[in-house]
Amino acid sequence: MARDSKNDIRLRIHKRIRSRVQGTEQRPRLAVFRSVKHIYAQVIDDAKGHTVVAASSVEKTGANGGNVAGAKSVGKLVAQRAKDKGIKAVVFDRGGYLYHGRVKALADAAREAGLEF
């Protein structure tokens, strides 16, 4: 009996979330991916299969994605870019991660910057 790794469990949860969460042209999906060093956020139109807007801590913004402050800056950045493209409302996809820590900080920062979800 092989035990599932943490990532296998996360992917199984993410698959379950994705069966319910669908992004449209009017209300795209804000997807979050979290690694040890960085955090990534994409606004995705699932109807077309296109990434409309993306932001990450890898960009030279001075943000460290491995902590809550870095996640907040990425949340603000993705919200600002989405607003520039005319996107006001999104559905949030936590990607199988717990809504806690860096994922929650990114979501809260995006809300404060004007995205509705």
PDB file of N, CA and C in Angstrom:
ATOM      1  N   MET A   1       0.820  -1.178   0.000  1.00  0.00           N
ATOM      2  CA  MET A   1       0.000   0.000   0.000  1.00  0.00           C
ATOM      3  C   MET A   1       0.870   1.250   0.000  1.00  0.00           C
ATOM      4  N   ALA A   2       0.950   1.871  -1.144  1.00  0.00           N
ATOM      5  CA  ALA A   2       1.734   3.094  -1.250  1.00  0.00           C
ATOM      6  C   ALA A   2       0.892   4.277  -0.777  1.00  0.00           C
ATOM      7  N   ARG A   3       1.506   5.145   0.008  1.00  0.00           N
ATOM      8  CA  ARG A   3       0.799   6.321   0.488  1.00  0.00           C
ATOM      9  C   ARG A   3       0.906   7.426  -0.549  1.00  0.00           C
ATOM     10  N   ASP A   4      -0.146   8.182  -0.683  1.00  0.00           N
ATOM     11  CA  ASP A   4      -0.132   9.314  -1.594  1.00  0.00           C
ATOM     12  C   ASP A   4       0.731  10.427  -1.012  1.00  0.00           C
ATOM     13  N   SER A   5       1.445  11.111  -1.893  1.00  0.00           N
ATOM     14  CA  SER A   5       2.235  12.249  -1.443  1.00  0.00           C
ATOM     15  C   SER A   5       1.298  13.436  -1.199  1.00  0.00           C
ATOM     16  N   LYS A   6       1.821  14.477  -0.566  1.00  0.00           N
ATOM     17  CA  LYS A   6       1.012  15.672  -0.325  1.00  0.00           C
ATOM     18  C   LYS A   6       0.511  16.260  -1.643  1.00  0.00           C
ATOM     19  N   ASN A   7       1.364  16.228  -2.655  1.00  0.00           N
ATOM     20  CA  ASN A   7       0.963  16.804  -3.938  1.00  0.00           C
ATOM     21  C   ASN A   7      -0.111  15.953  -4.604  1.00  0.00           C
ATOM     22  N   ASP A   8      -0.054  14.625  -4.468  1.00  0.00           N
ATOM     23  CA  ASP A   8      -1.099  13.767  -5.028  1.00  0.00           C
ATOM     24  C   ASP A   8      -2.448  14.091  -4.393  1.00  0.00           C
ATOM     25  N   ILE A   9      -2.434  14.289  -3.090  1.00  0.00           N
ATOM     26  CA  ILE A   9      -3.664  14.632  -2.373  1.00  0.00           C
ATOM     27  C   ILE A   9      -4.173  15.995  -2.828  1.00  0.00           C
ATOM     28  N   ARG A  10      -3.247  16.968  -2.957  1.00  0.00           N
ATOM     29  CA  ARG A  10      -3.633  18.308  -3.417  1.00  0.00           C
ATOM     30  C   ARG A  10      -4.235  18.254  -4.807  1.00  0.00           C
ATOM     31  N   LEU A  11      -3.636  17.467  -5.701  1.00  0.00           N
ATOM     32  CA  LEU A  11      -4.150  17.368  -7.067  1.00  0.00           C
ATOM     33  C   LEU A  11      -5.535  16.728  -7.093  1.00  0.00           C
ATOM     34  N   ARG A  12      -5.760  15.760  -6.219  1.00  0.00           N
ATOM     35  CA  ARG A  12      -7.085  15.131  -6.140  1.00  0.00           C
ATOM     36  C   ARG A  12      -8.132  16.148  -5.670  1.00  0.00           C
ATOM     37  N   ILE A  13      -7.772  16.962  -4.677  1.00  0.00           N
ATOM     38  CA  ILE A  13      -8.674  18.009  -4.186  1.00  0.00           C
ATOM     39  C   ILE A  13      -8.895  19.051  -5.276  1.00  0.00           C
ATOM     40  N   HIS A  14      -7.830  19.416  -5.980  1.00  0.00           N
ATOM     41  CA  HIS A  14      -7.921  20.413  -7.048  1.00  0.00           C
ATOM     42  C   HIS A  14      -8.849  19.935  -8.158  1.00  0.00           C
ATOM     43  N   LYS A  15      -8.775  18.670  -8.483  1.00  0.00           N
ATOM     44  CA  LYS A  15      -9.644  18.088  -9.509  1.00  0.00           C
ATOM     45  C   LYS A  15     -11.113  18.197  -9.087  1.00  0.00           C
ATOM     46  N   ARG A  16     -11.377  17.953  -7.817  1.00  0.00           N
ATOM     47  CA  ARG A  16     -12.739  18.055  -7.291  1.00  0.00           C
ATOM     48  C   ARG A  16     -13.228  19.506  -7.342  1.00  0.00           C
ATOM     49  N   ILE A  17     -12.350  20.445  -6.995  1.00  0.00           N
ATOM     50  CA  ILE A  17     -12.712  21.867  -7.043  1.00  0.00           C
ATOM     51  C   ILE A  17     -13.007  22.277  -8.487  1.00  0.00           C
ATOM     52  N   ARG A  18     -12.179  21.829  -9.416  1.00  0.00           N
ATOM     53  CA  ARG A  18     -12.320  22.214 -10.820  1.00  0.00           C
ATOM     54  C   ARG A  18     -13.587  21.649 -11.454  1.00  0.00           C
ATOM     55  N   SER A  19     -14.130  20.576 -10.864  1.00  0.00           N
ATOM     56  CA  SER A  19     -15.393  20.061 -11.392  1.00  0.00           C
ATOM     57  C   SER A  19     -16.540  21.017 -11.080  1.00  0.00           C
ATOM     58  N   ARG A  20     -16.357  21.882 -10.087  1.00  0.00           N
ATOM     59  CA  ARG A  20     -17.389  22.837  -9.689  1.00  0.00           C
ATOM     60  C   ARG A  20     -17.096  24.266 -10.137  1.00  0.00           C
ATOM     61  N   VAL A  21     -15.831  24.628 -10.221  1.00  0.00           N
ATOM     62  CA  VAL A  21     -15.441  26.010 -10.522  1.00  0.00           C
ATOM     63  C   VAL A  21     -15.094  26.124 -12.000  1.00  0.00           C
ATOM     64  N   GLN A  22     -15.832  26.993 -12.702  1.00  0.00           N
ATOM     65  CA  GLN A  22     -15.627  27.178 -14.139  1.00  0.00           C
ATOM     66  C   GLN A  22     -15.522  28.670 -14.419  1.00  0.00           C
ATOM     67  N   GLY A  23     -14.503  29.071 -15.167  1.00  0.00           N
ATOM     68  CA  GLY A  23     -14.341  30.468 -15.525  1.00  0.00           C
ATOM     69  C   GLY A  23     -14.986  30.759 -16.863  1.00  0.00           C
ATOM     70  N   THR A  24     -15.680  31.881 -16.960  1.00  0.00           N
ATOM     71  CA  THR A  24     -16.308  32.290 -18.212  1.00  0.00           C
ATOM     72  C   THR A  24     -15.670  33.593 -18.685  1.00  0.00           C
ATOM     73  N   GLU A  25     -16.126  34.068 -19.836  1.00  0.00           N
ATOM     74  CA  GLU A  25     -15.575  35.321 -20.352  1.00  0.00           C
ATOM     75  C   GLU A  25     -15.951  36.494 -19.454  1.00  0.00           C
ATOM     76  N   GLN A  26     -17.192  36.483 -18.927  1.00  0.00           N
ATOM     77  CA  GLN A  26     -17.642  37.567 -18.053  1.00  0.00           C
ATOM     78  C   GLN A  26     -17.030  37.447 -16.657  1.00  0.00           C
ATOM     79  N   ARG A  27     -16.833  36.209 -16.195  1.00  0.00           N
ATOM     80  CA  ARG A  27     -16.311  35.979 -14.844  1.00  0.00           C
ATOM     81  C   ARG A  27     -15.249  34.887 -14.905  1.00  0.00           C
ATOM     82  N   PRO A  28     -14.007  35.252 -15.276  1.00  0.00           N
ATOM     83  CA  PRO A  28     -12.944  34.248 -15.397  1.00  0.00           C
ATOM     84  C   PRO A  28     -12.495  33.705 -14.044  1.00  0.00           C
ATOM     85  N   ARG A  29     -11.669  32.684 -14.093  1.00  0.00           N
ATOM     86  CA  ARG A  29     -11.207  31.985 -12.883  1.00  0.00           C
ATOM     87  C   ARG A  29      -9.844  32.527 -12.471  1.00  0.00           C
ATOM     88  N   LEU A  30      -9.709  32.878 -11.198  1.00  0.00           N
ATOM     89  CA  LEU A  30      -8.427  33.301 -10.633  1.00  0.00           C
ATOM     90  C   LEU A  30      -7.790  32.070  -9.998  1.00  0.00           C
ATOM     91  N   ALA A  31      -6.799  31.497 -10.669  1.00  0.00           N
ATOM     92  CA  ALA A  31      -6.158  30.269 -10.209  1.00  0.00           C
ATOM     93  C   ALA A  31      -4.847  30.604  -9.504  1.00  0.00           C
ATOM     94  N   VAL A  32      -4.587  29.899  -8.407  1.00  0.00           N
ATOM     95  CA  VAL A  32      -3.389  30.126  -7.603  1.00  0.00           C
ATOM     96  C   VAL A  32      -2.533  28.867  -7.606  1.00  0.00           C
ATOM     97  N   PHE A  33      -1.226  29.051  -7.806  1.00  0.00           N
ATOM     98  CA  PHE A  33      -0.272  27.953  -7.637  1.00  0.00           C
ATOM     99  C   PHE A  33       0.792  28.428  -6.669  1.00  0.00           C
ATOM    100  N   ARG A  34       1.114  27.575  -5.716  1.00  0.00           N
ATOM    101  CA  ARG A  34       2.036  27.932  -4.649  1.00  0.00           C
ATOM    102  C   ARG A  34       3.183  26.932  -4.650  1.00  0.00           C
ATOM    103  N   SER A  35       4.404  27.429  -4.754  1.00  0.00           N
ATOM    104  CA  SER A  35       5.569  26.573  -4.577  1.00  0.00           C
ATOM    105  C   SER A  35       6.278  27.027  -3.309  1.00  0.00           C
ATOM    106  N   VAL A  36       7.385  26.412  -2.990  1.00  0.00           N
ATOM    107  CA  VAL A  36       8.085  26.763  -1.758  1.00  0.00           C
ATOM    108  C   VAL A  36       8.642  28.185  -1.839  1.00  0.00           C
ATOM    109  N   LYS A  37       9.213  28.545  -2.990  1.00  0.00           N
ATOM    110  CA  LYS A  37       9.854  29.857  -3.130  1.00  0.00           C
ATOM    111  C   LYS A  37       8.948  30.938  -3.706  1.00  0.00           C
ATOM    112  N   HIS A  38       7.955  30.557  -4.518  1.00  0.00           N
ATOM    113  CA  HIS A  38       7.178  31.545  -5.262  1.00  0.00           C
ATOM    114  C   HIS A  38       5.688  31.257  -5.182  1.00  0.00           C
ATOM    115  N   ILE A  39       4.916  32.253  -5.627  1.00  0.00           N
ATOM    116  CA  ILE A  39       3.465  32.093  -5.753  1.00  0.00           C
ATOM    117  C   ILE A  39       3.049  32.699  -7.090  1.00  0.00           C
ATOM    118  N   TYR A  40       2.117  32.038  -7.753  1.00  0.00           N
ATOM    119  CA  TYR A  40       1.690  32.423  -9.090  1.00  0.00           C
ATOM    120  C   TYR A  40       0.179  32.582  -9.102  1.00  0.00           C
ATOM    121  N   ALA A  41      -0.324  33.545  -9.865  1.00  0.00           N
ATOM    122  CA  ALA A  41      -1.767  33.746 -10.007  1.00  0.00           C
ATOM    123  C   ALA A  41      -2.067  34.003 -11.478  1.00  0.00           C
ATOM    124  N   GLN A  42      -3.123  33.356 -11.969  1.00  0.00           N
ATOM    125  CA  GLN A  42      -3.548  33.538 -13.358  1.00  0.00           C
ATOM    126  C   GLN A  42      -5.043  33.781 -13.381  1.00  0.00           C
ATOM    127  N   VAL A  43      -5.479  34.659 -14.275  1.00  0.00           N
ATOM    128  CA  VAL A  43      -6.901  34.846 -14.538  1.00  0.00           C
ATOM    129  C   VAL A  43      -7.167  34.160 -15.866  1.00  0.00           C
ATOM    130  N   ILE A  44      -8.005  33.109 -15.828  1.00  0.00           N
ATOM    131  CA  ILE A  44      -8.171  32.207 -16.966  1.00  0.00           C
ATOM    132  C   ILE A  44      -9.614  32.206 -17.447  1.00  0.00           C
ATOM    133  N   ASP A  45      -9.792  32.341 -18.766  1.00  0.00           N
ATOM    134  CA  ASP A  45     -11.097  32.164 -19.403  1.00  0.00           C
ATOM    135  C   ASP A  45     -11.170  30.713 -19.863  1.00  0.00           C
ATOM    136  N   ASP A  46     -11.898  29.879 -19.114  1.00  0.00           N
ATOM    137  CA  ASP A  46     -11.961  28.450 -19.423  1.00  0.00           C
ATOM    138  C   ASP A  46     -12.750  28.154 -20.692  1.00  0.00           C
ATOM    139  N   ALA A  47     -13.667  29.038 -21.078  1.00  0.00           N
ATOM    140  CA  ALA A  47     -14.445  28.828 -22.297  1.00  0.00           C
ATOM    141  C   ALA A  47     -13.534  28.825 -23.526  1.00  0.00           C
ATOM    142  N   LYS A  48     -12.575  29.739 -23.545  1.00  0.00           N
ATOM    143  CA  LYS A  48     -11.625  29.817 -24.655  1.00  0.00           C
ATOM    144  C   LYS A  48     -10.351  29.041 -24.383  1.00  0.00           C
ATOM    145  N   GLY A  49     -10.070  28.781 -23.103  1.00  0.00           N
ATOM    146  CA  GLY A  49      -8.832  28.101 -22.743  1.00  0.00           C
ATOM    147  C   GLY A  49      -7.631  29.023 -22.779  1.00  0.00           C
ATOM    148  N   HIS A  50      -7.851  30.306 -22.479  1.00  0.00           N
ATOM    149  CA  HIS A  50      -6.779  31.299 -22.537  1.00  0.00           C
ATOM    150  C   HIS A  50      -6.511  31.912 -21.168  1.00  0.00           C
ATOM    151  N   THR A  51      -5.242  32.182 -20.912  1.00  0.00           N
ATOM    152  CA  THR A  51      -4.872  32.962 -19.743  1.00  0.00           C
ATOM    153  C   THR A  51      -4.980  34.426 -20.129  1.00  0.00           C
ATOM    154  N   VAL A  52      -5.831  35.152 -19.447  1.00  0.00           N
ATOM    155  CA  VAL A  52      -6.071  36.557 -19.757  1.00  0.00           C
ATOM    156  C   VAL A  52      -5.001  37.420 -19.112  1.00  0.00           C
ATOM    157  N   VAL A  53      -4.723  37.151 -17.829  1.00  0.00           N
ATOM    158  CA  VAL A  53      -3.778  37.945 -17.041  1.00  0.00           C
ATOM    159  C   VAL A  53      -3.001  36.994 -16.139  1.00  0.00           C
ATOM    160  N   ALA A  54      -1.728  37.298 -15.915  1.00  0.00           N
ATOM    161  CA  ALA A  54      -0.925  36.493 -14.990  1.00  0.00           C
ATOM    162  C   ALA A  54       0.005  37.395 -14.195  1.00  0.00           C
ATOM    163  N   ALA A  55       0.340  36.945 -13.001  1.00  0.00           N
ATOM    164  CA  ALA A  55       1.315  37.642 -12.161  1.00  0.00           C
ATOM    165  C   ALA A  55       1.970  36.611 -11.261  1.00  0.00           C
ATOM    166  N   SER A  56       3.225  36.842 -10.940  1.00  0.00           N
ATOM    167  CA  SER A  56       3.911  35.914 -10.039  1.00  0.00           C
ATOM    168  C   SER A  56       5.014  36.631  -9.299  1.00  0.00           C
ATOM    169  N   SER A  57       5.518  35.970  -8.273  1.00  0.00           N
ATOM    170  CA  SER A  57       6.607  36.542  -7.487  1.00  0.00           C
ATOM    171  C   SER A  57       7.947  36.353  -8.188  1.00  0.00           C
ATOM    172  N   VAL A  58       7.958  35.634  -9.307  1.00  0.00           N
ATOM    173  CA  VAL A  58       9.197  35.439 -10.068  1.00  0.00           C
ATOM    174  C   VAL A  58       9.579  36.730 -10.789  1.00  0.00           C
ATOM    175  N   GLU A  59       8.567  37.534 -11.152  1.00  0.00           N
ATOM    176  CA  GLU A  59       8.827  38.795 -11.838  1.00  0.00           C
ATOM    177  C   GLU A  59       9.686  39.690 -10.965  1.00  0.00           C
ATOM    178  N   LYS A  60      10.373  40.605 -11.586  1.00  0.00           N
ATOM    179  CA  LYS A  60      11.302  41.463 -10.858  1.00  0.00           C
ATOM    180  C   LYS A  60      10.561  42.613 -10.161  1.00  0.00           C
ATOM    181  N   THR A  61       9.626  42.257  -9.282  1.00  0.00           N
ATOM    182  CA  THR A  61       8.889  43.272  -8.530  1.00  0.00           C
ATOM    183  C   THR A  61       9.446  43.421  -7.129  1.00  0.00           C
ATOM    184  N   GLY A  62      10.426  42.621  -6.795  1.00  0.00           N
ATOM    185  CA  GLY A  62      11.006  42.678  -5.463  1.00  0.00           C
ATOM    186  C   GLY A  62      10.230  41.863  -4.449  1.00  0.00           C
ATOM    187  N   ALA A  63       9.205  41.150  -4.915  1.00  0.00           N
ATOM    188  CA  ALA A  63       8.381  40.365  -4.001  1.00  0.00           C
ATOM    189  C   ALA A  63       9.002  38.996  -3.762  1.00  0.00           C
ATOM    190  N   ASN A  64       9.002  38.583  -2.507  1.00  0.00           N
ATOM    191  CA  ASN A  64       9.446  37.239  -2.156  1.00  0.00           C
ATOM    192  C   ASN A  64       8.185  36.398  -2.017  1.00  0.00           C
ATOM    193  N   GLY A  65       7.981  35.440  -2.922  1.00  0.00           N
ATOM    194  CA  GLY A  65       6.754  34.657  -2.935  1.00  0.00           C
ATOM    195  C   GLY A  65       6.672  33.632  -1.841  1.00  0.00           C
ATOM    196  N   GLY A  66       7.730  33.440  -1.084  1.00  0.00           N
ATOM    197  CA  GLY A  66       7.727  32.439  -0.037  1.00  0.00           C
ATOM    198  C   GLY A  66       7.111  32.924   1.261  1.00  0.00           C
ATOM    199  N   ASN A  67       6.590  34.150   1.281  1.00  0.00           N
ATOM    200  CA  ASN A  67       5.975  34.646   2.512  1.00  0.00           C
ATOM    201  C   ASN A  67       4.673  35.381   2.204  1.00  0.00           C
ATOM    202  N   VAL A  68       3.950  35.741   3.244  1.00  0.00           N
ATOM    203  CA  VAL A  68       2.641  36.370   3.104  1.00  0.00           C
ATOM    204  C   VAL A  68       2.752  37.734   2.421  1.00  0.00           C
ATOM    205  N   ALA A  69       3.791  38.490   2.721  1.00  0.00           N
ATOM    206  CA  ALA A  69       3.953  39.813   2.105  1.00  0.00           C
ATOM    207  C   ALA A  69       4.114  39.698   0.590  1.00  0.00           C
ATOM    208  N   GLY A  70       4.859  38.706   0.149  1.00  0.00           N
ATOM    209  CA  GLY A  70       5.027  38.481  -1.287  1.00  0.00           C
ATOM    210  C   GLY A  70       3.719  38.085  -1.943  1.00  0.00           C
ATOM    211  N   ALA A  71       2.932  37.267  -1.265  1.00  0.00           N
ATOM    212  CA  ALA A  71       1.638  36.851  -1.799  1.00  0.00           C
ATOM    213  C   ALA A  71       0.695  38.048  -1.923  1.00  0.00           C
ATOM    214  N   LYS A  72       0.758  38.962  -0.956  1.00  0.00           N
ATOM    215  CA  LYS A  72      -0.079  40.165  -1.017  1.00  0.00           C
ATOM    216  C   LYS A  72       0.283  41.014  -2.230  1.00  0.00           C
ATOM    217  N   SER A  73       1.580  41.169  -2.491  1.00  0.00           N
ATOM    218  CA  SER A  73       1.988  41.994  -3.633  1.00  0.00           C
ATOM    219  C   SER A  73       1.574  41.355  -4.951  1.00  0.00           C
ATOM    220  N   VAL A  74       1.621  40.033  -5.036  1.00  0.00           N
ATOM    221  CA  VAL A  74       1.181  39.341  -6.258  1.00  0.00           C
ATOM    222  C   VAL A  74      -0.332  39.493  -6.418  1.00  0.00           C
ATOM    223  N   GLY A  75      -1.085  39.427  -5.318  1.00  0.00           N
ATOM    224  CA  GLY A  75      -2.531  39.623  -5.366  1.00  0.00           C
ATOM    225  C   GLY A  75      -2.902  41.004  -5.877  1.00  0.00           C
ATOM    226  N   LYS A  76      -2.206  42.026  -5.385  1.00  0.00           N
ATOM    227  CA  LYS A  76      -2.450  43.397  -5.847  1.00  0.00           C
ATOM    228  C   LYS A  76      -2.122  43.530  -7.330  1.00  0.00           C
ATOM    229  N   LEU A  77      -1.000  42.935  -7.728  1.00  0.00           N
ATOM    230  CA  LEU A  77      -0.547  43.039  -9.117  1.00  0.00           C
ATOM    231  C   LEU A  77      -1.514  42.361 -10.078  1.00  0.00           C
ATOM    232  N   VAL A  78      -1.976  41.162  -9.746  1.00  0.00           N
ATOM    233  CA  VAL A  78      -2.898  40.452 -10.644  1.00  0.00           C
ATOM    234  C   VAL A  78      -4.233  41.181 -10.717  1.00  0.00           C
ATOM    235  N   ALA A  79      -4.684  41.765  -9.606  1.00  0.00           N
ATOM    236  CA  ALA A  79      -5.939  42.516  -9.608  1.00  0.00           C
ATOM    237  C   ALA A  79      -5.815  43.777 -10.462  1.00  0.00           C
ATOM    238  N   GLN A  80      -4.686  44.457 -10.352  1.00  0.00           N
ATOM    239  CA  GLN A  80      -4.473  45.668 -11.144  1.00  0.00           C
ATOM    240  C   GLN A  80      -4.453  45.350 -12.635  1.00  0.00           C
ATOM    241  N   ARG A  81      -3.761  44.277 -13.001  1.00  0.00           N
ATOM    242  CA  ARG A  81      -3.694  43.880 -14.414  1.00  0.00           C
ATOM    243  C   ARG A  81      -5.065  43.452 -14.929  1.00  0.00           C
ATOM    244  N   ALA A  82      -5.843  42.777 -14.086  1.00  0.00           N
ATOM    245  CA  ALA A  82      -7.185  42.348 -14.487  1.00  0.00           C
ATOM    246  C   ALA A  82      -8.087  43.569 -14.704  1.00  0.00           C
ATOM    247  N   LYS A  83      -7.987  44.553 -13.805  1.00  0.00           N
ATOM    248  CA  LYS A  83      -8.794  45.760 -13.950  1.00  0.00           C
ATOM    249  C   LYS A  83      -8.414  46.522 -15.218  1.00  0.00           C
ATOM    250  N   ASP A  84      -7.124  46.512 -15.569  1.00  0.00           N
ATOM    251  CA  ASP A  84      -6.674  47.165 -16.800  1.00  0.00           C
ATOM    252  C   ASP A  84      -7.270  46.499 -18.034  1.00  0.00           C
ATOM    253  N   LYS A  85      -7.538  45.199 -17.939  1.00  0.00           N
ATOM    254  CA  LYS A  85      -8.149  44.454 -19.048  1.00  0.00           C
ATOM    255  C   LYS A  85      -9.673  44.509 -19.004  1.00  0.00           C
ATOM    256  N   GLY A  86     -10.228  45.188 -18.011  1.00  0.00           N
ATOM    257  CA  GLY A  86     -11.678  45.334 -17.917  1.00  0.00           C
ATOM    258  C   GLY A  86     -12.369  44.217 -17.152  1.00  0.00           C
ATOM    259  N   ILE A  87     -11.630  43.454 -16.371  1.00  0.00           N
ATOM    260  CA  ILE A  87     -12.211  42.359 -15.590  1.00  0.00           C
ATOM    261  C   ILE A  87     -12.475  42.868 -14.175  1.00  0.00           C
ATOM    262  N   LYS A  88     -13.740  42.767 -13.753  1.00  0.00           N
ATOM    263  CA  LYS A  88     -14.112  43.244 -12.422  1.00  0.00           C
ATOM    264  C   LYS A  88     -14.397  42.096 -11.470  1.00  0.00           C
ATOM    265  N   ALA A  89     -14.947  40.991 -11.992  1.00  0.00           N
ATOM    266  CA  ALA A  89     -15.358  39.873 -11.142  1.00  0.00           C
ATOM    267  C   ALA A  89     -14.708  38.580 -11.621  1.00  0.00           C
ATOM    268  N   VAL A  90     -14.296  37.749 -10.669  1.00  0.00           N
ATOM    269  CA  VAL A  90     -13.681  36.460 -10.971  1.00  0.00           C
ATOM    270  C   VAL A  90     -14.258  35.399 -10.029  1.00  0.00           C
ATOM    271  N   VAL A  91     -13.994  34.130 -10.354  1.00  0.00           N
ATOM    272  CA  VAL A  91     -14.250  33.049  -9.409  1.00  0.00           C
ATOM    273  C   VAL A  91     -12.890  32.588  -8.905  1.00  0.00           C
ATOM    274  N   PHE A  92     -12.779  32.297  -7.621  1.00  0.00           N
ATOM    275  CA  PHE A  92     -11.490  31.978  -7.018  1.00  0.00           C
ATOM    276  C   PHE A  92     -11.262  30.482  -7.007  1.00  0.00           C
ATOM    277  N   ASP A  93     -10.095  30.068  -7.506  1.00  0.00           N
ATOM    278  CA  ASP A  93      -9.688  28.660  -7.528  1.00  0.00           C
ATOM    279  C   ASP A  93      -8.440  28.537  -6.666  1.00  0.00           C
ATOM    280  N   ARG A  94      -8.594  27.950  -5.483  1.00  0.00           N
ATOM    281  CA  ARG A  94      -7.475  27.864  -4.550  1.00  0.00           C
ATOM    282  C   ARG A  94      -6.491  26.766  -4.919  1.00  0.00           C
ATOM    283  N   GLY A  95      -6.772  25.996  -5.950  1.00  0.00           N
ATOM    284  CA  GLY A  95      -5.820  25.032  -6.478  1.00  0.00           C
ATOM    285  C   GLY A  95      -5.561  23.827  -5.591  1.00  0.00           C
ATOM    286  N   GLY A  96      -6.497  23.507  -4.709  1.00  0.00           N
ATOM    287  CA  GLY A  96      -6.303  22.360  -3.833  1.00  0.00           C
ATOM    288  C   GLY A  96      -5.567  22.695  -2.551  1.00  0.00           C
ATOM    289  N   TYR A  97      -5.130  23.938  -2.419  1.00  0.00           N
ATOM    290  CA  TYR A  97      -4.455  24.368  -1.190  1.00  0.00           C
ATOM    291  C   TYR A  97      -5.505  24.793  -0.178  1.00  0.00           C
ATOM    292  N   LEU A  98      -5.151  24.758   1.108  1.00  0.00           N
ATOM    293  CA  LEU A  98      -6.039  25.278   2.128  1.00  0.00           C
ATOM    294  C   LEU A  98      -6.159  26.786   1.960  1.00  0.00           C
ATOM    295  N   TYR A  99      -7.345  27.318   2.224  1.00  0.00           N
ATOM    296  CA  TYR A  99      -7.546  28.765   2.162  1.00  0.00           C
ATOM    297  C   TYR A  99      -6.990  29.357   3.448  1.00  0.00           C
ATOM    298  N   HIS A 100      -5.687  29.543   3.462  1.00  0.00           N
ATOM    299  CA  HIS A 100      -4.969  29.906   4.674  1.00  0.00           C
ATOM    300  C   HIS A 100      -3.606  30.438   4.264  1.00  0.00           C
ATOM    301  N   GLY A 101      -3.017  31.300   5.056  1.00  0.00           N
ATOM    302  CA  GLY A 101      -1.647  31.749   4.813  1.00  0.00           C
ATOM    303  C   GLY A 101      -1.494  32.528   3.530  1.00  0.00           C
ATOM    304  N   ARG A 102      -0.575  32.074   2.677  1.00  0.00           N
ATOM    305  CA  ARG A 102      -0.252  32.804   1.447  1.00  0.00           C
ATOM    306  C   ARG A 102      -1.416  32.847   0.471  1.00  0.00           C
ATOM    307  N   VAL A 103      -2.192  31.759   0.379  1.00  0.00           N
ATOM    308  CA  VAL A 103      -3.332  31.727  -0.542  1.00  0.00           C
ATOM    309  C   VAL A 103      -4.390  32.734  -0.094  1.00  0.00           C
ATOM    310  N   LYS A 104      -4.667  32.785   1.187  1.00  0.00           N
ATOM    311  CA  LYS A 104      -5.641  33.739   1.733  1.00  0.00           C
ATOM    312  C   LYS A 104      -5.131  35.169   1.573  1.00  0.00           C
ATOM    313  N   ALA A 105      -3.840  35.397   1.795  1.00  0.00           N
ATOM    314  CA  ALA A 105      -3.261  36.737   1.659  1.00  0.00           C
ATOM    315  C   ALA A 105      -3.382  37.239   0.223  1.00  0.00           C
ATOM    316  N   LEU A 106      -3.127  36.364  -0.748  1.00  0.00           N
ATOM    317  CA  LEU A 106      -3.259  36.734  -2.160  1.00  0.00           C
ATOM    318  C   LEU A 106      -4.708  37.089  -2.467  1.00  0.00           C
ATOM    319  N   ALA A 107      -5.645  36.282  -1.999  1.00  0.00           N
ATOM    320  CA  ALA A 107      -7.063  36.533  -2.260  1.00  0.00           C
ATOM    321  C   ALA A 107      -7.519  37.841  -1.624  1.00  0.00           C
ATOM    322  N   ASP A 108      -7.129  38.083  -0.383  1.00  0.00           N
ATOM    323  CA  ASP A 108      -7.527  39.307   0.311  1.00  0.00           C
ATOM    324  C   ASP A 108      -6.955  40.547  -0.373  1.00  0.00           C
ATOM    325  N   ALA A 109      -5.703  40.453  -0.817  1.00  0.00           N
ATOM    326  CA  ALA A 109      -5.071  41.590  -1.506  1.00  0.00           C
ATOM    327  C   ALA A 109      -5.753  41.865  -2.843  1.00  0.00           C
ATOM    328  N   ALA A 110      -6.147  40.816  -3.540  1.00  0.00           N
ATOM    329  CA  ALA A 110      -6.852  40.987  -4.818  1.00  0.00           C
ATOM    330  C   ALA A 110      -8.213  41.641  -4.594  1.00  0.00           C
ATOM    331  N   ARG A 111      -8.904  41.248  -3.516  1.00  0.00           N
ATOM    332  CA  ARG A 111     -10.195  41.860  -3.179  1.00  0.00           C
ATOM    333  C   ARG A 111     -10.025  43.337  -2.845  1.00  0.00           C
ATOM    334  N   GLU A 112      -8.996  43.648  -2.042  1.00  0.00           N
ATOM    335  CA  GLU A 112      -8.751  45.043  -1.660  1.00  0.00           C
ATOM    336  C   GLU A 112      -8.415  45.903  -2.874  1.00  0.00           C
ATOM    337  N   ALA A 113      -7.768  45.288  -3.878  1.00  0.00           N
ATOM    338  CA  ALA A 113      -7.394  46.033  -5.077  1.00  0.00           C
ATOM    339  C   ALA A 113      -8.533  46.168  -6.060  1.00  0.00           C
ATOM    340  N   GLY A 114      -9.706  45.590  -5.742  1.00  0.00           N
ATOM    341  CA  GLY A 114     -10.882  45.847  -6.560  1.00  0.00           C
ATOM    342  C   GLY A 114     -11.511  44.663  -7.268  1.00  0.00           C
ATOM    343  N   LEU A 115     -10.953  43.461  -7.171  1.00  0.00           N
ATOM    344  CA  LEU A 115     -11.577  42.300  -7.794  1.00  0.00           C
ATOM    345  C   LEU A 115     -12.716  41.800  -6.907  1.00  0.00           C
ATOM    346  N   GLU A 116     -13.802  41.385  -7.531  1.00  0.00           N
ATOM    347  CA  GLU A 116     -14.944  40.863  -6.778  1.00  0.00           C
ATOM    348  C   GLU A 116     -14.995  39.359  -6.878  1.00  0.00           C
ATOM    349  N   PHE A 117     -15.019  38.677  -5.731  1.00  0.00           N
ATOM    350  CA  PHE A 117     -15.260  37.230  -5.654  1.00  0.00           C
ATOM    351  C   PHE A 117     -15.571  36.836  -4.239  1.00  0.00           C
TER     352      PHE A 117
END
